[in-house]
Structure formats: C-alpha cells, structure tokens
Amino acid sequence: MEETIYRKMYARLFNRVTDAIKVLETEEEKEAKQLLIQAQMETEELYLLAEGEC
C-alpha cells in the first residue's frame, strides 16, 4: 500500500514540475509558481490521506 501512494505522489509531482518547466520557458513565472504550489498541496494531501489509512 505504501509503495502505491509514493508512486502516485511521485507521478503527480513529476508531472506538475514538468508543466511548470514548460511554463517557465514561456516566461510566465507567476503561472509556474502557482503550478508548483499546487503540486506541493496535492502531494501533501496524498501523503496525509495515506497516513490516515495506516
């Protein structure tokens, strides 16, 4: 179970960081920052949900 949540967290974070990098290439720093903040929040939520299941 624990491995599954970490896979989900990694995939979510990796994809959001990739999105932010693409946005940075267009020089839209505020949008990239928002994507990274969103990634943090989503990943933390997944982690907390998993902790509650243990």
PDB file of N, CA and C in Angstrom:
ATOM      1  N   MET A   1       0.819  -1.198   0.000  1.00  0.00           N
ATOM      2  CA  MET A   1       0.000   0.000   0.000  1.00  0.00           C
ATOM      3  C   MET A   1       0.863   1.261   0.000  1.00  0.00           C
ATOM      4  N   GLU A   2       1.870   1.269   0.876  1.00  0.00           N
ATOM      5  CA  GLU A   2       2.728   2.445   0.997  1.00  0.00           C
ATOM      6  C   GLU A   2       3.433   2.753  -0.318  1.00  0.00           C
ATOM      7  N   GLU A   3       3.889   1.721  -0.998  1.00  0.00           N
ATOM      8  CA  GLU A   3       4.582   1.916  -2.277  1.00  0.00           C
ATOM      9  C   GLU A   3       3.650   2.558  -3.300  1.00  0.00           C
ATOM     10  N   THR A   4       2.396   2.170  -3.297  1.00  0.00           N
ATOM     11  CA  THR A   4       1.422   2.719  -4.239  1.00  0.00           C
ATOM     12  C   THR A   4       1.259   4.213  -4.051  1.00  0.00           C
ATOM     13  N   ILE A   5       1.137   4.665  -2.805  1.00  0.00           N
ATOM     14  CA  ILE A   5       0.935   6.094  -2.555  1.00  0.00           C
ATOM     15  C   ILE A   5       2.168   6.889  -2.971  1.00  0.00           C
ATOM     16  N   TYR A   6       3.344   6.329  -2.730  1.00  0.00           N
ATOM     17  CA  TYR A   6       4.550   7.040  -3.135  1.00  0.00           C
ATOM     18  C   TYR A   6       4.674   7.108  -4.656  1.00  0.00           C
ATOM     19  N   ARG A   7       4.219   6.092  -5.334  1.00  0.00           N
ATOM     20  CA  ARG A   7       4.206   6.131  -6.804  1.00  0.00           C
ATOM     21  C   ARG A   7       3.261   7.221  -7.298  1.00  0.00           C
ATOM     22  N   LYS A   8       2.089   7.312  -6.671  1.00  0.00           N
ATOM     23  CA  LYS A   8       1.127   8.348  -7.049  1.00  0.00           C
ATOM     24  C   LYS A   8       1.684   9.735  -6.762  1.00  0.00           C
ATOM     25  N   MET A   9       2.308   9.886  -5.587  1.00  0.00           N
ATOM     26  CA  MET A   9       2.885  11.181  -5.222  1.00  0.00           C
ATOM     27  C   MET A   9       3.980  11.570  -6.210  1.00  0.00           C
ATOM     28  N   TYR A  10       4.863  10.616  -6.522  1.00  0.00           N
ATOM     29  CA  TYR A  10       5.950  10.895  -7.459  1.00  0.00           C
ATOM     30  C   TYR A  10       5.402  11.293  -8.824  1.00  0.00           C
ATOM     31  N   ALA A  11       4.446  10.539  -9.330  1.00  0.00           N
ATOM     32  CA  ALA A  11       3.886  10.829 -10.654  1.00  0.00           C
ATOM     33  C   ALA A  11       3.243  12.208 -10.681  1.00  0.00           C
ATOM     34  N   ARG A  12       2.466  12.522  -9.653  1.00  0.00           N
ATOM     35  CA  ARG A  12       1.802  13.820  -9.589  1.00  0.00           C
ATOM     36  C   ARG A  12       2.819  14.955  -9.563  1.00  0.00           C
ATOM     37  N   LEU A  13       3.817  14.821  -8.676  1.00  0.00           N
ATOM     38  CA  LEU A  13       4.827  15.859  -8.544  1.00  0.00           C
ATOM     39  C   LEU A  13       5.653  15.997  -9.819  1.00  0.00           C
ATOM     40  N   PHE A  14       6.071  14.885 -10.388  1.00  0.00           N
ATOM     41  CA  PHE A  14       6.868  14.922 -11.617  1.00  0.00           C
ATOM     42  C   PHE A  14       6.115  15.621 -12.741  1.00  0.00           C
ATOM     43  N   ASN A  15       4.849  15.275 -12.909  1.00  0.00           N
ATOM     44  CA  ASN A  15       4.061  15.882 -13.985  1.00  0.00           C
ATOM     45  C   ASN A  15       3.855  17.369 -13.776  1.00  0.00           C
ATOM     46  N   ARG A  16       3.596  17.777 -12.545  1.00  0.00           N
ATOM     47  CA  ARG A  16       3.406  19.206 -12.266  1.00  0.00           C
ATOM     48  C   ARG A  16       4.702  19.993 -12.460  1.00  0.00           C
ATOM     49  N   VAL A  17       5.820  19.423 -12.041  1.00  0.00           N
ATOM     50  CA  VAL A  17       7.104  20.103 -12.247  1.00  0.00           C
ATOM     51  C   VAL A  17       7.389  20.231 -13.742  1.00  0.00           C
ATOM     52  N   THR A  18       7.092  19.197 -14.501  1.00  0.00           N
ATOM     53  CA  THR A  18       7.262  19.253 -15.953  1.00  0.00           C
ATOM     54  C   THR A  18       6.404  20.363 -16.548  1.00  0.00           C
ATOM     55  N   ASP A  19       5.163  20.470 -16.094  1.00  0.00           N
ATOM     56  CA  ASP A  19       4.276  21.550 -16.557  1.00  0.00           C
ATOM     57  C   ASP A  19       4.860  22.914 -16.214  1.00  0.00           C
ATOM     58  N   ALA A  20       5.366  23.056 -14.991  1.00  0.00           N
ATOM     59  CA  ALA A  20       5.936  24.335 -14.559  1.00  0.00           C
ATOM     60  C   ALA A  20       7.165  24.701 -15.387  1.00  0.00           C
ATOM     61  N   ILE A  21       7.987  23.730 -15.705  1.00  0.00           N
ATOM     62  CA  ILE A  21       9.173  23.992 -16.531  1.00  0.00           C
ATOM     63  C   ILE A  21       8.757  24.498 -17.909  1.00  0.00           C
ATOM     64  N   LYS A  22       7.753  23.883 -18.479  1.00  0.00           N
ATOM     65  CA  LYS A  22       7.261  24.326 -19.790  1.00  0.00           C
ATOM     66  C   LYS A  22       6.745  25.758 -19.722  1.00  0.00           C
ATOM     67  N   VAL A  23       6.046  26.079 -18.648  1.00  0.00           N
ATOM     68  CA  VAL A  23       5.523  27.439 -18.484  1.00  0.00           C
ATOM     69  C   VAL A  23       6.674  28.420 -18.291  1.00  0.00           C
ATOM     70  N   LEU A  24       7.689  28.042 -17.531  1.00  0.00           N
ATOM     71  CA  LEU A  24       8.845  28.921 -17.331  1.00  0.00           C
ATOM     72  C   LEU A  24       9.526  29.263 -18.650  1.00  0.00           C
ATOM     73  N   GLU A  25       9.501  28.319 -19.569  1.00  0.00           N
ATOM     74  CA  GLU A  25      10.108  28.561 -20.875  1.00  0.00           C
ATOM     75  C   GLU A  25       9.377  29.660 -21.642  1.00  0.00           C
ATOM     76  N   THR A  26       8.125  29.912 -21.269  1.00  0.00           N
ATOM     77  CA  THR A  26       7.363  30.996 -21.901  1.00  0.00           C
ATOM     78  C   THR A  26       7.449  32.278 -21.081  1.00  0.00           C
ATOM     79  N   GLU A  27       8.251  32.247 -20.023  1.00  0.00           N
ATOM     80  CA  GLU A  27       8.491  33.390 -19.145  1.00  0.00           C
ATOM     81  C   GLU A  27       7.248  33.819 -18.363  1.00  0.00           C
ATOM     82  N   GLU A  28       6.387  32.878 -18.064  1.00  0.00           N
ATOM     83  CA  GLU A  28       5.200  33.144 -17.240  1.00  0.00           C
ATOM     84  C   GLU A  28       5.488  32.648 -15.812  1.00  0.00           C
ATOM     85  N   GLU A  29       6.326  33.408 -15.102  1.00  0.00           N
ATOM     86  CA  GLU A  29       6.792  32.976 -13.788  1.00  0.00           C
ATOM     87  C   GLU A  29       5.662  32.785 -12.778  1.00  0.00           C
ATOM     88  N   LYS A  30       4.688  33.665 -12.780  1.00  0.00           N
ATOM     89  CA  LYS A  30       3.600  33.562 -11.801  1.00  0.00           C
ATOM     90  C   LYS A  30       2.799  32.282 -12.003  1.00  0.00           C
ATOM     91  N   GLU A  31       2.547  31.929 -13.249  1.00  0.00           N
ATOM     92  CA  GLU A  31       1.809  30.697 -13.529  1.00  0.00           C
ATOM     93  C   GLU A  31       2.624  29.475 -13.111  1.00  0.00           C
ATOM     94  N   ALA A  32       3.919  29.502 -13.387  1.00  0.00           N
ATOM     95  CA  ALA A  32       4.793  28.392 -12.998  1.00  0.00           C
ATOM     96  C   ALA A  32       4.819  28.243 -11.483  1.00  0.00           C
ATOM     97  N   LYS A  33       4.906  29.365 -10.782  1.00  0.00           N
ATOM     98  CA  LYS A  33       4.900  29.333  -9.321  1.00  0.00           C
ATOM     99  C   LYS A  33       3.604  28.711  -8.818  1.00  0.00           C
ATOM    100  N   GLN A  34       2.490  29.084  -9.404  1.00  0.00           N
ATOM    101  CA  GLN A  34       1.205  28.545  -8.984  1.00  0.00           C
ATOM    102  C   GLN A  34       1.125  27.036  -9.221  1.00  0.00           C
ATOM    103  N   LEU A  35       1.668  26.578 -10.341  1.00  0.00           N
ATOM    104  CA  LEU A  35       1.697  25.137 -10.619  1.00  0.00           C
ATOM    105  C   LEU A  35       2.515  24.386  -9.576  1.00  0.00           C
ATOM    106  N   LEU A  36       3.632  24.956  -9.170  1.00  0.00           N
ATOM    107  CA  LEU A  36       4.477  24.309  -8.174  1.00  0.00           C
ATOM    108  C   LEU A  36       3.806  24.282  -6.801  1.00  0.00           C
ATOM    109  N   ILE A  37       3.135  25.363  -6.448  1.00  0.00           N
ATOM    110  CA  ILE A  37       2.403  25.401  -5.183  1.00  0.00           C
ATOM    111  C   ILE A  37       1.291  24.358  -5.202  1.00  0.00           C
ATOM    112  N   GLN A  38       0.591  24.270  -6.303  1.00  0.00           N
ATOM    113  CA  GLN A  38      -0.481  23.284  -6.449  1.00  0.00           C
ATOM    114  C   GLN A  38       0.082  21.865  -6.318  1.00  0.00           C
ATOM    115  N   ALA A  39       1.233  21.633  -6.916  1.00  0.00           N
ATOM    116  CA  ALA A  39       1.870  20.313  -6.819  1.00  0.00           C
ATOM    117  C   ALA A  39       2.203  19.980  -5.377  1.00  0.00           C
ATOM    118  N   GLN A  40       2.713  20.948  -4.640  1.00  0.00           N
ATOM    119  CA  GLN A  40       3.016  20.739  -3.224  1.00  0.00           C
ATOM    120  C   GLN A  40       1.763  20.343  -2.464  1.00  0.00           C
ATOM    121  N   MET A  41       0.712  21.088  -2.677  1.00  0.00           N
ATOM    122  CA  MET A  41      -0.531  20.850  -1.945  1.00  0.00           C
ATOM    123  C   MET A  41      -1.131  19.488  -2.284  1.00  0.00           C
ATOM    124  N   GLU A  42      -1.144  19.132  -3.568  1.00  0.00           N
ATOM    125  CA  GLU A  42      -1.713  17.849  -3.984  1.00  0.00           C
ATOM    126  C   GLU A  42      -0.903  16.680  -3.433  1.00  0.00           C
ATOM    127  N   THR A  43       0.404  16.807  -3.474  1.00  0.00           N
ATOM    128  CA  THR A  43       1.268  15.735  -2.988  1.00  0.00           C
ATOM    129  C   THR A  43       1.137  15.582  -1.475  1.00  0.00           C
ATOM    130  N   GLU A  44       1.075  16.702  -0.772  1.00  0.00           N
ATOM    131  CA  GLU A  44       0.896  16.644   0.677  1.00  0.00           C
ATOM    132  C   GLU A  44      -0.451  16.002   1.027  1.00  0.00           C
ATOM    133  N   GLU A  45      -1.479  16.345   0.280  1.00  0.00           N
ATOM    134  CA  GLU A  45      -2.800  15.764   0.520  1.00  0.00           C
ATOM    135  C   GLU A  45      -2.773  14.243   0.337  1.00  0.00           C
ATOM    136  N   LEU A  46      -2.121  13.783  -0.731  1.00  0.00           N
ATOM    137  CA  LEU A  46      -1.992  12.338  -0.944  1.00  0.00           C
ATOM    138  C   LEU A  46      -1.265  11.674   0.226  1.00  0.00           C
ATOM    139  N   TYR A  47      -0.213  12.313   0.681  1.00  0.00           N
ATOM    140  CA  TYR A  47       0.568  11.766   1.782  1.00  0.00           C
ATOM    141  C   TYR A  47      -0.269  11.681   3.055  1.00  0.00           C
ATOM    142  N   LEU A  48      -0.987  12.752   3.371  1.00  0.00           N
ATOM    143  CA  LEU A  48      -1.807  12.769   4.571  1.00  0.00           C
ATOM    144  C   LEU A  48      -2.939  11.753   4.510  1.00  0.00           C
ATOM    145  N   LEU A  49      -3.528  11.603   3.339  1.00  0.00           N
ATOM    146  CA  LEU A  49      -4.563  10.591   3.176  1.00  0.00           C
ATOM    147  C   LEU A  49      -4.006   9.193   3.423  1.00  0.00           C
ATOM    148  N   ALA A  50      -2.812   8.950   2.921  1.00  0.00           N
ATOM    149  CA  ALA A  50      -2.171   7.646   3.109  1.00  0.00           C
ATOM    150  C   ALA A  50      -1.833   7.418   4.582  1.00  0.00           C
ATOM    151  N   GLU A  51      -1.401   8.454   5.265  1.00  0.00           N
ATOM    152  CA  GLU A  51      -1.081   8.334   6.686  1.00  0.00           C
ATOM    153  C   GLU A  51      -2.325   7.974   7.491  1.00  0.00           C
ATOM    154  N   GLY A  52      -3.466   8.504   7.087  1.00  0.00           N
ATOM    155  CA  GLY A  52      -4.711   8.211   7.759  1.00  0.00           C
ATOM    156  C   GLY A  52      -5.179   6.785   7.551  1.00  0.00           C
ATOM    157  N   GLU A  53      -4.734   6.160   6.470  1.00  0.00           N
ATOM    158  CA  GLU A  53      -5.125   4.784   6.163  1.00  0.00           C
ATOM    159  C   GLU A  53      -4.272   3.765   6.906  1.00  0.00           C
ATOM    160  N   CYS A  54      -3.149   4.206   7.425  1.00  0.00           N
ATOM    161  CA  CYS A  54      -2.221   3.268   8.099  1.00  0.00           C
ATOM    162  C   CYS A  54      -2.646   2.990   9.514  1.00  0.00           C
TER     163      CYS A  54
END
